[in-house]
């Protein structure tokens, strides 16, 4: 089972996007869990997931977030604003899978 965490400032808007990614995975008959979290939960949840996707709302803070994270936090990526804005779960899932394969 693939586990994806979406992180944004407060976790609200990414909840909808998490559903879209889960739908895209379901259409492919993939066993995927997608959960959304506010930024302040990142340290406590990241080890439970294969990849963490950052919503566009907090990408401006990525440098400071990464400074606060342990060194083993390496499997993450930003969701492009246009992908997030269109709620394009299919593209987000594809990019997450590509990133995981390269890790």
N, C-alpha and C. Protein backbone atom coordinates (compact mmCIF):
# COMPACT_ATOMS: atom_id res chain seq x y z
N UNK A 1 0.83 -1.18 0.00
CA UNK A 1 0.00 0.00 0.00
C UNK A 1 0.88 1.25 0.00
N UNK A 2 0.53 2.17 -0.87
CA UNK A 2 1.23 3.45 -0.97
C UNK A 2 0.53 4.45 -0.07
N UNK A 3 1.33 5.21 0.70
CA UNK A 3 0.76 6.20 1.60
C UNK A 3 1.30 7.58 1.23
N UNK A 4 0.38 8.50 0.97
CA UNK A 4 0.72 9.87 0.57
C UNK A 4 0.15 10.84 1.60
N UNK A 5 0.98 11.76 2.06
CA UNK A 5 0.52 12.82 2.95
C UNK A 5 0.55 14.14 2.19
N UNK A 6 -0.52 14.90 2.31
CA UNK A 6 -0.57 16.25 1.76
C UNK A 6 -0.51 17.22 2.93
N UNK A 7 0.34 18.22 2.81
CA UNK A 7 0.51 19.18 3.90
C UNK A 7 0.29 20.59 3.36
N UNK A 8 -0.52 21.34 4.07
CA UNK A 8 -0.70 22.76 3.77
C UNK A 8 -0.73 23.53 5.08
N UNK A 9 -1.03 24.77 5.01
CA UNK A 9 -0.97 25.62 6.20
C UNK A 9 -1.88 25.09 7.31
N UNK A 10 -3.14 24.82 6.99
CA UNK A 10 -4.09 24.38 8.00
C UNK A 10 -4.75 23.03 7.67
N UNK A 11 -4.53 22.49 6.48
CA UNK A 11 -5.04 21.17 6.13
C UNK A 11 -6.42 21.16 5.50
N UNK A 12 -7.06 22.31 5.37
CA UNK A 12 -8.44 22.33 4.87
C UNK A 12 -8.54 22.10 3.37
N UNK A 13 -7.87 22.92 2.60
CA UNK A 13 -8.01 22.81 1.14
C UNK A 13 -7.39 21.53 0.60
N UNK A 14 -6.38 21.02 1.28
CA UNK A 14 -5.75 19.80 0.78
C UNK A 14 -6.62 18.57 1.03
N UNK A 15 -7.59 18.66 1.93
CA UNK A 15 -8.49 17.52 2.16
C UNK A 15 -9.26 17.18 0.88
N UNK A 16 -9.72 18.19 0.18
CA UNK A 16 -10.43 17.98 -1.08
C UNK A 16 -9.47 17.40 -2.12
N UNK A 17 -8.28 17.97 -2.17
CA UNK A 17 -7.29 17.50 -3.14
C UNK A 17 -6.88 16.06 -2.84
N UNK A 18 -6.79 15.70 -1.56
CA UNK A 18 -6.47 14.32 -1.19
C UNK A 18 -7.52 13.36 -1.74
N UNK A 19 -8.77 13.76 -1.70
CA UNK A 19 -9.84 12.93 -2.27
C UNK A 19 -9.65 12.73 -3.77
N UNK A 20 -9.23 13.78 -4.45
CA UNK A 20 -9.01 13.68 -5.91
C UNK A 20 -7.87 12.72 -6.24
N UNK A 21 -6.81 12.77 -5.45
CA UNK A 21 -5.70 11.85 -5.68
C UNK A 21 -6.15 10.41 -5.40
N UNK A 22 -6.90 10.23 -4.33
CA UNK A 22 -7.41 8.90 -3.99
C UNK A 22 -8.33 8.37 -5.09
N UNK A 23 -9.15 9.24 -5.66
CA UNK A 23 -10.03 8.84 -6.78
C UNK A 23 -9.20 8.40 -7.99
N UNK A 24 -8.15 9.16 -8.28
CA UNK A 24 -7.28 8.81 -9.42
C UNK A 24 -6.64 7.45 -9.19
N UNK A 25 -6.19 7.20 -7.96
CA UNK A 25 -5.59 5.90 -7.64
C UNK A 25 -6.63 4.79 -7.73
N UNK A 26 -7.83 5.06 -7.25
CA UNK A 26 -8.90 4.07 -7.32
C UNK A 26 -9.26 3.70 -8.74
N UNK A 27 -9.24 4.70 -9.64
CA UNK A 27 -9.51 4.44 -11.06
C UNK A 27 -8.49 3.49 -11.67
N UNK A 28 -7.29 3.48 -11.09
CA UNK A 28 -6.23 2.59 -11.56
C UNK A 28 -6.17 1.29 -10.77
N UNK A 29 -7.09 1.14 -9.84
CA UNK A 29 -7.12 -0.04 -8.96
C UNK A 29 -5.86 -0.14 -8.11
N UNK A 30 -5.33 1.01 -7.72
CA UNK A 30 -4.14 1.07 -6.87
C UNK A 30 -4.57 1.14 -5.41
N UNK A 31 -3.80 0.51 -4.55
CA UNK A 31 -4.03 0.55 -3.12
C UNK A 31 -3.26 1.74 -2.54
N UNK A 32 -3.94 2.86 -2.39
CA UNK A 32 -3.31 4.10 -1.96
C UNK A 32 -4.14 4.75 -0.86
N UNK A 33 -3.44 5.24 0.15
CA UNK A 33 -4.06 6.03 1.21
C UNK A 33 -3.52 7.45 1.06
N UNK A 34 -4.41 8.42 1.06
CA UNK A 34 -4.01 9.82 0.93
C UNK A 34 -4.66 10.59 2.08
N UNK A 35 -3.83 11.22 2.89
CA UNK A 35 -4.31 11.98 4.03
C UNK A 35 -3.79 13.41 3.96
N UNK A 36 -4.58 14.34 4.50
CA UNK A 36 -4.20 15.76 4.53
C UNK A 36 -3.95 16.19 5.97
N UNK A 37 -2.93 17.01 6.13
CA UNK A 37 -2.54 17.47 7.45
C UNK A 37 -2.16 18.95 7.43
N UNK A 38 -2.33 19.61 8.56
CA UNK A 38 -1.79 20.96 8.68
C UNK A 38 -0.27 20.88 8.88
N UNK A 39 0.40 21.93 8.56
CA UNK A 39 1.86 21.98 8.64
C UNK A 39 2.39 21.59 10.02
N UNK A 40 1.72 21.96 11.07
CA UNK A 40 2.24 21.70 12.42
C UNK A 40 2.24 20.22 12.80
N UNK A 41 1.66 19.35 12.00
CA UNK A 41 1.66 17.91 12.25
C UNK A 41 2.77 17.18 11.50
N UNK A 42 3.49 17.87 10.63
CA UNK A 42 4.45 17.23 9.74
C UNK A 42 5.48 16.37 10.48
N UNK A 43 6.10 16.91 11.51
CA UNK A 43 7.13 16.16 12.23
C UNK A 43 6.61 14.86 12.83
N UNK A 44 5.37 14.86 13.22
CA UNK A 44 4.83 13.67 13.88
C UNK A 44 4.29 12.61 12.92
N UNK A 45 4.11 12.96 11.65
CA UNK A 45 3.48 12.00 10.73
C UNK A 45 4.37 11.55 9.57
N UNK A 46 5.42 12.27 9.24
CA UNK A 46 6.11 12.03 7.97
C UNK A 46 6.67 10.62 7.82
N UNK A 47 7.08 9.99 8.91
CA UNK A 47 7.66 8.64 8.81
C UNK A 47 6.62 7.58 8.46
N UNK A 48 5.36 7.92 8.59
CA UNK A 48 4.30 6.96 8.30
C UNK A 48 3.91 6.95 6.82
N UNK A 49 4.53 7.83 6.02
CA UNK A 49 4.13 8.00 4.62
C UNK A 49 5.30 7.79 3.68
N UNK A 50 4.97 7.34 2.46
CA UNK A 50 5.99 7.12 1.43
C UNK A 50 6.46 8.44 0.83
N UNK A 51 5.58 9.43 0.81
CA UNK A 51 5.92 10.74 0.26
C UNK A 51 5.02 11.80 0.89
N UNK A 52 5.57 12.99 1.02
CA UNK A 52 4.81 14.14 1.51
C UNK A 52 4.72 15.15 0.37
N UNK A 53 3.51 15.58 0.07
CA UNK A 53 3.29 16.61 -0.96
C UNK A 53 2.92 17.91 -0.27
N UNK A 54 3.61 18.98 -0.63
CA UNK A 54 3.34 20.29 -0.06
C UNK A 54 2.41 21.08 -0.96
N UNK A 55 1.35 21.59 -0.37
CA UNK A 55 0.42 22.45 -1.11
C UNK A 55 1.05 23.79 -1.42
N UNK A 56 0.56 24.46 -2.45
CA UNK A 56 1.14 25.74 -2.85
C UNK A 56 1.07 26.81 -1.75
N UNK A 57 0.14 26.66 -0.82
CA UNK A 57 -0.05 27.66 0.21
C UNK A 57 1.15 27.79 1.14
N UNK A 58 1.97 26.76 1.25
CA UNK A 58 3.11 26.83 2.17
C UNK A 58 4.46 26.69 1.48
N UNK A 59 4.47 26.65 0.18
CA UNK A 59 5.75 26.47 -0.52
C UNK A 59 6.70 27.63 -0.28
N UNK A 60 6.18 28.79 0.00
CA UNK A 60 7.05 29.93 0.29
C UNK A 60 7.81 29.70 1.61
N UNK A 61 7.32 28.80 2.44
CA UNK A 61 7.95 28.49 3.72
C UNK A 61 8.80 27.22 3.68
N UNK A 62 8.93 26.63 2.53
CA UNK A 62 9.59 25.33 2.43
C UNK A 62 11.00 25.34 3.02
N UNK A 63 11.77 26.35 2.73
CA UNK A 63 13.14 26.40 3.24
C UNK A 63 13.17 26.36 4.77
N UNK A 64 12.32 27.12 5.41
CA UNK A 64 12.31 27.11 6.88
C UNK A 64 11.73 25.81 7.42
N UNK A 65 10.76 25.24 6.73
CA UNK A 65 10.20 23.95 7.15
C UNK A 65 11.29 22.88 7.11
N UNK A 66 12.05 22.85 6.03
CA UNK A 66 13.10 21.84 5.88
C UNK A 66 14.19 21.98 6.93
N UNK A 67 14.49 23.20 7.34
CA UNK A 67 15.49 23.43 8.40
C UNK A 67 15.03 22.83 9.72
N UNK A 68 13.73 22.78 9.93
CA UNK A 68 13.18 22.26 11.18
C UNK A 68 13.02 20.74 11.18
N UNK A 69 13.11 20.13 10.01
CA UNK A 69 12.88 18.68 9.89
C UNK A 69 14.17 17.89 10.10
N UNK A 70 14.03 16.64 10.56
CA UNK A 70 15.21 15.77 10.70
C UNK A 70 15.83 15.47 9.33
N UNK A 71 17.08 15.04 9.35
CA UNK A 71 17.82 14.77 8.11
C UNK A 71 17.20 13.66 7.28
N UNK A 72 16.47 12.75 7.91
CA UNK A 72 15.89 11.63 7.16
C UNK A 72 14.62 12.01 6.40
N UNK A 73 14.21 13.26 6.50
CA UNK A 73 13.05 13.73 5.75
C UNK A 73 13.52 14.14 4.36
N UNK A 74 13.39 13.22 3.43
CA UNK A 74 13.91 13.49 2.08
C UNK A 74 12.89 13.25 0.97
N UNK A 75 11.84 12.50 1.24
CA UNK A 75 10.91 12.16 0.17
C UNK A 75 9.68 13.08 0.21
N UNK A 76 9.84 14.21 -0.42
CA UNK A 76 8.78 15.21 -0.48
C UNK A 76 8.83 15.90 -1.82
N UNK A 77 7.75 16.58 -2.15
CA UNK A 77 7.73 17.39 -3.37
C UNK A 77 6.64 18.44 -3.25
N UNK A 78 6.75 19.47 -4.04
CA UNK A 78 5.75 20.53 -4.10
C UNK A 78 4.69 20.18 -5.14
N UNK A 79 3.47 20.51 -4.81
CA UNK A 79 2.39 20.40 -5.79
C UNK A 79 2.37 21.71 -6.57
N UNK A 80 2.45 21.63 -7.86
CA UNK A 80 2.45 22.83 -8.69
C UNK A 80 1.12 23.56 -8.52
N UNK A 81 1.17 24.89 -8.43
CA UNK A 81 -0.07 25.66 -8.22
C UNK A 81 -1.16 25.37 -9.24
N UNK A 82 -0.80 25.20 -10.51
CA UNK A 82 -1.83 24.93 -11.52
C UNK A 82 -2.46 23.56 -11.34
N UNK A 83 -1.67 22.58 -10.89
CA UNK A 83 -2.19 21.24 -10.64
C UNK A 83 -3.15 21.29 -9.45
N UNK A 84 -2.74 22.00 -8.42
CA UNK A 84 -3.59 22.15 -7.23
C UNK A 84 -4.86 22.94 -7.56
N UNK A 85 -4.70 24.02 -8.28
CA UNK A 85 -5.84 24.87 -8.63
C UNK A 85 -6.89 24.14 -9.45
N UNK A 86 -6.45 23.25 -10.31
CA UNK A 86 -7.38 22.47 -11.13
C UNK A 86 -7.86 21.21 -10.40
N UNK A 87 -7.33 21.00 -9.19
CA UNK A 87 -7.65 19.79 -8.42
C UNK A 87 -7.40 18.54 -9.27
N UNK A 88 -6.24 18.55 -9.94
CA UNK A 88 -5.86 17.48 -10.87
C UNK A 88 -5.16 16.35 -10.12
N UNK A 89 -5.96 15.48 -9.53
CA UNK A 89 -5.42 14.37 -8.76
C UNK A 89 -4.60 13.40 -9.59
N UNK A 90 -4.98 13.23 -10.84
CA UNK A 90 -4.26 12.32 -11.74
C UNK A 90 -2.81 12.77 -11.93
N UNK A 91 -2.62 14.04 -12.24
CA UNK A 91 -1.26 14.56 -12.44
C UNK A 91 -0.46 14.51 -11.15
N UNK A 92 -1.08 14.88 -10.04
CA UNK A 92 -0.39 14.84 -8.75
C UNK A 92 0.05 13.41 -8.42
N UNK A 93 -0.82 12.45 -8.66
CA UNK A 93 -0.48 11.04 -8.41
C UNK A 93 0.68 10.61 -9.30
N UNK A 94 0.63 10.96 -10.58
CA UNK A 94 1.72 10.60 -11.50
C UNK A 94 3.06 11.17 -11.03
N UNK A 95 3.06 12.42 -10.63
CA UNK A 95 4.31 13.06 -10.20
C UNK A 95 4.82 12.46 -8.90
N UNK A 96 3.91 12.12 -7.99
CA UNK A 96 4.31 11.48 -6.74
C UNK A 96 4.93 10.11 -7.02
N UNK A 97 4.32 9.34 -7.91
CA UNK A 97 4.85 8.02 -8.25
C UNK A 97 6.23 8.14 -8.89
N UNK A 98 6.41 9.13 -9.76
CA UNK A 98 7.72 9.35 -10.39
C UNK A 98 8.76 9.67 -9.33
N UNK A 99 8.42 10.52 -8.38
CA UNK A 99 9.36 10.91 -7.32
C UNK A 99 9.72 9.70 -6.45
N UNK A 100 8.74 8.88 -6.12
CA UNK A 100 8.99 7.70 -5.30
C UNK A 100 9.90 6.72 -6.03
N UNK A 101 9.69 6.55 -7.32
CA UNK A 101 10.52 5.64 -8.11
C UNK A 101 11.98 6.10 -8.15
N UNK A 102 12.20 7.41 -8.15
CA UNK A 102 13.56 7.95 -8.19
C UNK A 102 14.26 7.88 -6.85
N UNK A 103 13.48 7.75 -5.78
CA UNK A 103 14.08 7.77 -4.42
C UNK A 103 14.83 6.50 -4.10
